[in-house]
Protein backbone atom coordinates (compact mmCIF):
# COMPACT_ATOMS: atom_id res chain seq x y z
CA UNK A 1 0.25 -0.05 0.27
CA UNK A 2 1.62 3.42 -1.19
CA UNK A 3 1.44 6.18 1.62
CA UNK A 4 -0.49 8.86 0.85
CA UNK A 5 1.05 12.57 1.17
CA UNK A 6 -1.28 15.22 0.75
CA UNK A 7 -0.69 18.12 -0.93
CA UNK A 8 -2.10 21.54 -0.49
CA UNK A 9 -2.24 23.83 -3.03
CA UNK A 10 -3.39 27.64 -3.24
CA UNK A 11 -3.89 28.41 -6.80
CA UNK A 12 -1.48 28.52 -9.78
CA UNK A 13 1.30 30.82 -10.07
CA UNK A 14 4.36 32.61 -7.87
CA UNK A 15 2.52 36.02 -7.15
CA UNK A 16 -1.39 34.80 -5.90
CA UNK A 17 -0.83 30.87 -5.38
CA UNK A 18 1.08 28.33 -5.42
CA UNK A 19 4.88 28.50 -6.96
CA UNK A 20 4.56 25.86 -9.68
CA UNK A 21 8.29 24.88 -9.72
CA UNK A 22 7.79 23.92 -5.86
CA UNK A 23 4.51 22.34 -6.50
CA UNK A 24 6.39 19.93 -9.19
CA UNK A 25 9.17 18.97 -7.60
CA UNK A 26 7.24 17.98 -4.79
CA UNK A 27 5.15 15.74 -6.84
CA UNK A 28 7.92 14.50 -8.40
CA UNK A 29 9.35 13.74 -5.32
CA UNK A 30 6.60 12.04 -3.53
CA UNK A 31 6.13 9.76 -6.86
CA UNK A 32 10.34 8.92 -6.68
CA UNK A 33 10.08 7.96 -3.18
CA UNK A 34 7.32 5.37 -3.71
CA UNK A 35 4.19 7.18 -2.41
CA UNK A 36 0.90 8.78 -3.97
CA UNK A 37 0.46 12.54 -4.12
CA UNK A 38 -3.61 13.44 -3.03
CA UNK A 39 -3.46 17.11 -4.21
CA UNK A 40 -6.14 19.69 -2.45
CA UNK A 41 -7.39 23.08 -2.45
CA UNK A 42 -9.95 25.45 -1.17
CA UNK A 43 -12.72 25.77 -3.20
CA UNK A 44 -12.81 29.62 -3.08
CA UNK A 45 -11.96 32.85 -5.05
CA UNK A 46 -9.16 34.71 -4.42
CA UNK A 47 -6.94 37.90 -6.61
CA UNK A 48 -5.43 37.30 -9.39
CA UNK A 49 -2.26 38.87 -10.08
CA UNK A 50 -0.81 39.58 -13.79
CA UNK A 51 2.75 37.15 -13.85
CA UNK A 52 4.16 39.36 -16.32
CA UNK A 53 3.91 42.78 -14.85
CA UNK A 54 3.46 42.37 -11.17
CA UNK A 55 0.42 44.02 -10.69
CA UNK A 56 -3.24 43.43 -10.01
CA UNK A 57 -5.68 42.21 -12.65
CA UNK A 58 -8.64 43.24 -10.84
CA UNK A 59 -10.14 39.84 -10.91
CA UNK A 60 -10.55 36.87 -9.35
CA UNK A 61 -10.04 32.82 -9.66
CA UNK A 62 -11.01 29.73 -8.09
CA UNK A 63 -7.83 28.23 -6.19
CA UNK A 64 -9.51 24.59 -6.62
CA UNK A 65 -10.09 25.42 -10.38
CA UNK A 66 -6.37 26.70 -11.17
CA UNK A 67 -4.78 24.15 -8.76
CA UNK A 68 -6.46 21.54 -11.40
CA UNK A 69 -3.61 23.18 -13.46
CA UNK A 70 -0.76 21.81 -11.50
CA UNK A 71 -2.67 18.49 -10.33
CA UNK A 72 -3.57 17.64 -14.18
CA UNK A 73 -7.01 17.74 -12.88
CA UNK A 74 -6.52 15.07 -10.37
CA UNK A 75 -7.40 17.23 -7.19
CA UNK A 76 -9.93 17.42 -4.36
CA UNK A 77 -11.73 19.93 -2.41
CA UNK A 78 -10.19 20.41 0.77
CA UNK A 79 -12.83 20.87 2.40
CA UNK A 80 -14.10 17.21 1.72
CA UNK A 81 -10.36 15.75 2.94
CA UNK A 82 -9.41 14.72 6.58
CA UNK A 83 -6.65 13.42 8.41
CA UNK A 84 -7.77 9.73 7.98
CA UNK A 85 -7.51 10.49 4.04
CA UNK A 86 -3.74 10.88 4.18
CA UNK A 87 -0.53 9.83 5.52
CA UNK A 88 1.28 13.19 5.80
CA UNK A 89 0.84 16.69 4.72
CA UNK A 90 2.89 18.93 2.77
CA UNK A 91 2.37 22.69 1.94
CA UNK A 92 4.45 24.11 -1.26
CA UNK A 93 5.27 27.44 -1.12
CA UNK A 94 4.32 31.17 -3.35
CA UNK A 95 2.49 33.66 -2.20
CA UNK A 96 -0.95 32.05 -2.02
CA UNK A 97 0.25 30.27 1.15
CA UNK A 98 0.41 33.41 2.72
CA UNK A 99 -2.49 35.46 0.72
CA UNK A 100 -5.16 33.18 -0.04
CA UNK A 101 -4.80 29.85 2.58
CA UNK A 102 -3.95 32.40 5.76
CA UNK A 103 -3.25 36.54 5.72
CA UNK A 104 0.33 36.56 7.18
CA UNK A 105 1.21 38.42 3.79
CA UNK A 106 -1.15 41.40 5.19
CA UNK A 107 -1.20 40.28 9.19
CA UNK A 108 1.83 38.43 10.11
CA UNK A 109 2.25 37.25 13.61
CA UNK A 110 -1.65 37.84 13.79
CA UNK A 111 -2.26 36.23 10.62
CA UNK A 112 -6.06 33.79 10.36
CA UNK A 113 -5.81 30.21 8.99
CA UNK A 114 -8.31 29.68 6.12
CA UNK A 115 -11.02 27.63 8.20
CA UNK A 116 -9.99 24.43 6.25
CA UNK A 117 -6.82 24.90 6.42
CA UNK A 118 -6.66 25.41 10.19
CA UNK A 119 -9.00 22.09 10.59
CA UNK A 120 -6.67 19.80 8.41
CA UNK A 121 -3.76 20.91 10.22
CA UNK A 122 -5.26 20.32 13.59
CA UNK A 123 -6.31 17.41 12.52
CA UNK A 124 -2.64 16.14 10.92
CA UNK A 125 -1.16 17.96 14.18
CA UNK A 126 -3.47 15.41 16.51
CA UNK A 127 -2.83 12.11 14.56
CA UNK A 128 0.78 12.43 14.87
CA UNK A 129 1.18 12.43 11.20
CA UNK A 130 3.90 14.66 9.33
CA UNK A 131 3.97 17.86 8.14
CA UNK A 132 6.20 19.44 5.51
CA UNK A 133 6.31 23.56 4.60
CA UNK A 134 8.08 24.87 1.53
CA UNK A 135 9.52 28.21 0.94
CA UNK A 136 6.89 31.12 3.07
CA UNK A 137 4.28 27.90 3.38
CA UNK A 138 6.64 27.57 7.25
CA UNK A 139 4.80 31.14 7.89
CA UNK A 140 1.25 29.60 7.20
CA UNK A 141 2.22 26.85 9.67
CA UNK A 142 4.27 28.88 12.58
CA UNK A 143 0.46 31.45 12.41
CA UNK A 144 -1.64 28.21 12.68
CA UNK A 145 0.10 25.94 14.75
CA UNK A 146 2.71 28.17 17.13
CA UNK A 147 0.91 28.88 20.03
CA UNK A 148 0.04 25.76 20.73
CA UNK A 149 2.69 23.58 19.32
CA UNK A 150 6.21 25.79 19.76
CA UNK A 151 7.03 24.33 16.48
CA UNK A 152 10.78 24.94 15.18
CA UNK A 153 10.63 25.99 11.60
CA UNK A 154 12.68 27.66 8.81
CA UNK A 155 12.15 30.25 5.62
CA UNK A 156 15.84 30.46 5.32
CA UNK A 157 17.50 33.51 6.35
CA UNK A 158 15.12 36.87 5.92
CA UNK A 159 14.85 38.47 9.32
CA UNK A 160 11.72 39.98 8.92
CA UNK A 161 9.98 37.25 8.27
CA UNK A 162 11.57 35.03 11.09
CA UNK A 163 10.83 37.74 13.48
CA UNK A 164 6.96 37.54 12.35
CA UNK A 165 7.44 33.66 12.95
CA UNK A 166 8.96 33.83 16.33
CA UNK A 167 6.05 36.24 17.62
CA UNK A 168 3.81 33.21 16.68
CA UNK A 169 5.09 31.80 19.51
CA UNK A 170 7.54 29.37 16.80
CA UNK A 171 10.94 29.25 16.81
CA UNK A 172 12.91 30.13 13.55
CA UNK A 173 16.03 28.52 12.23
CA UNK A 174 18.06 29.50 10.24
CA UNK A 175 18.72 27.36 6.73
CA UNK A 176 20.49 26.94 3.97
CA UNK A 177 18.61 26.91 0.68
CA UNK A 178 19.31 23.08 -0.16
CA UNK A 179 19.16 22.04 3.42
CA UNK A 180 15.61 21.20 5.81
CA UNK A 181 14.90 21.91 9.40
CA UNK A 182 13.59 18.93 11.57
CA UNK A 183 10.88 19.22 14.21
CA UNK A 184 11.17 15.57 15.58
CA UNK A 185 9.04 16.83 18.52
CA UNK A 186 6.18 18.27 16.05
CA UNK A 187 6.71 16.13 13.11
CA UNK A 188 7.59 18.77 11.01
CA UNK A 189 9.54 19.38 8.40
CA UNK A 190 10.47 23.01 6.08
CA UNK A 191 13.21 24.09 3.72
CA UNK A 192 13.40 27.18 2.24
CA UNK A 193 13.21 26.59 -1.48
CA UNK A 194 12.55 30.12 -3.33
CA UNK A 195 12.62 32.15 -0.78
CA UNK A 196 16.45 31.69 -1.06
CA UNK A 197 16.94 30.11 -4.18
CA UNK A 198 18.93 31.54 -7.07
CA UNK A 199 18.54 28.77 -9.05
CA UNK A 200 15.83 26.34 -9.84
CA UNK A 201 18.29 23.37 -9.13
CA UNK A 202 18.65 24.73 -5.43
CA UNK A 203 14.74 24.83 -4.92
CA UNK A 204 14.73 21.48 -6.18
CA UNK A 205 17.70 19.97 -4.10
CA UNK A 206 16.32 20.88 -0.97
CA UNK A 207 12.42 19.67 -1.38
CA UNK A 208 13.69 16.41 -2.42
CA UNK A 209 15.35 16.19 1.13
CA UNK A 210 12.31 17.72 2.82
CA UNK A 211 9.55 14.94 0.95
CA UNK A 212 12.11 12.28 1.63
CA UNK A 213 12.45 12.96 4.92
CA UNK A 214 8.35 13.63 5.66
CA UNK A 215 8.04 9.65 3.76
CA UNK A 216 10.46 8.54 6.33
CA UNK A 217 8.36 9.61 9.12
CA UNK A 218 5.06 8.40 8.51
């Protein structure tokens, strides 16, 4: 029986959803290490950013529909997924993790978490199943779990983001782009990816290590 690894997508594109390279590297590593990816996303509308200009496009798109682009159509509504359906949970980065799955991008340590994301995270932690968080996604995990579980996490070396993570009750650990930080107590693994990566291969290396470690913890 293959281990089932949930991947929470937040759209499609670095500025308003999931970072596509990070999501694809996660999917690739899950398959490479003999597990099965279960993609999911919230069925909700979020603002769109023009990825050519970086400006607000003035429209919204559905994160579940957009995530289906990355998942090649095989994706579930997050609201219908429980911890019993998966053996581990991984969050790729992209600004959608900090704008759609929560509002850390606006509120920092006081971020509010999307209700279904918060529910699933709490279920997974309570079941002692491992969690992976990539790029800016550790900030989401910190905001959701910091006050209760005080996890150790990394987003790399960015001092401002690290300070906000520490304010949630979590502990930020500086980490190079190709490495991971493992919180053995809370079973949480994180890696900087494009918070630090200068090249696509650097992001890939850290993500591969994260996925391998998460699967080994199942």
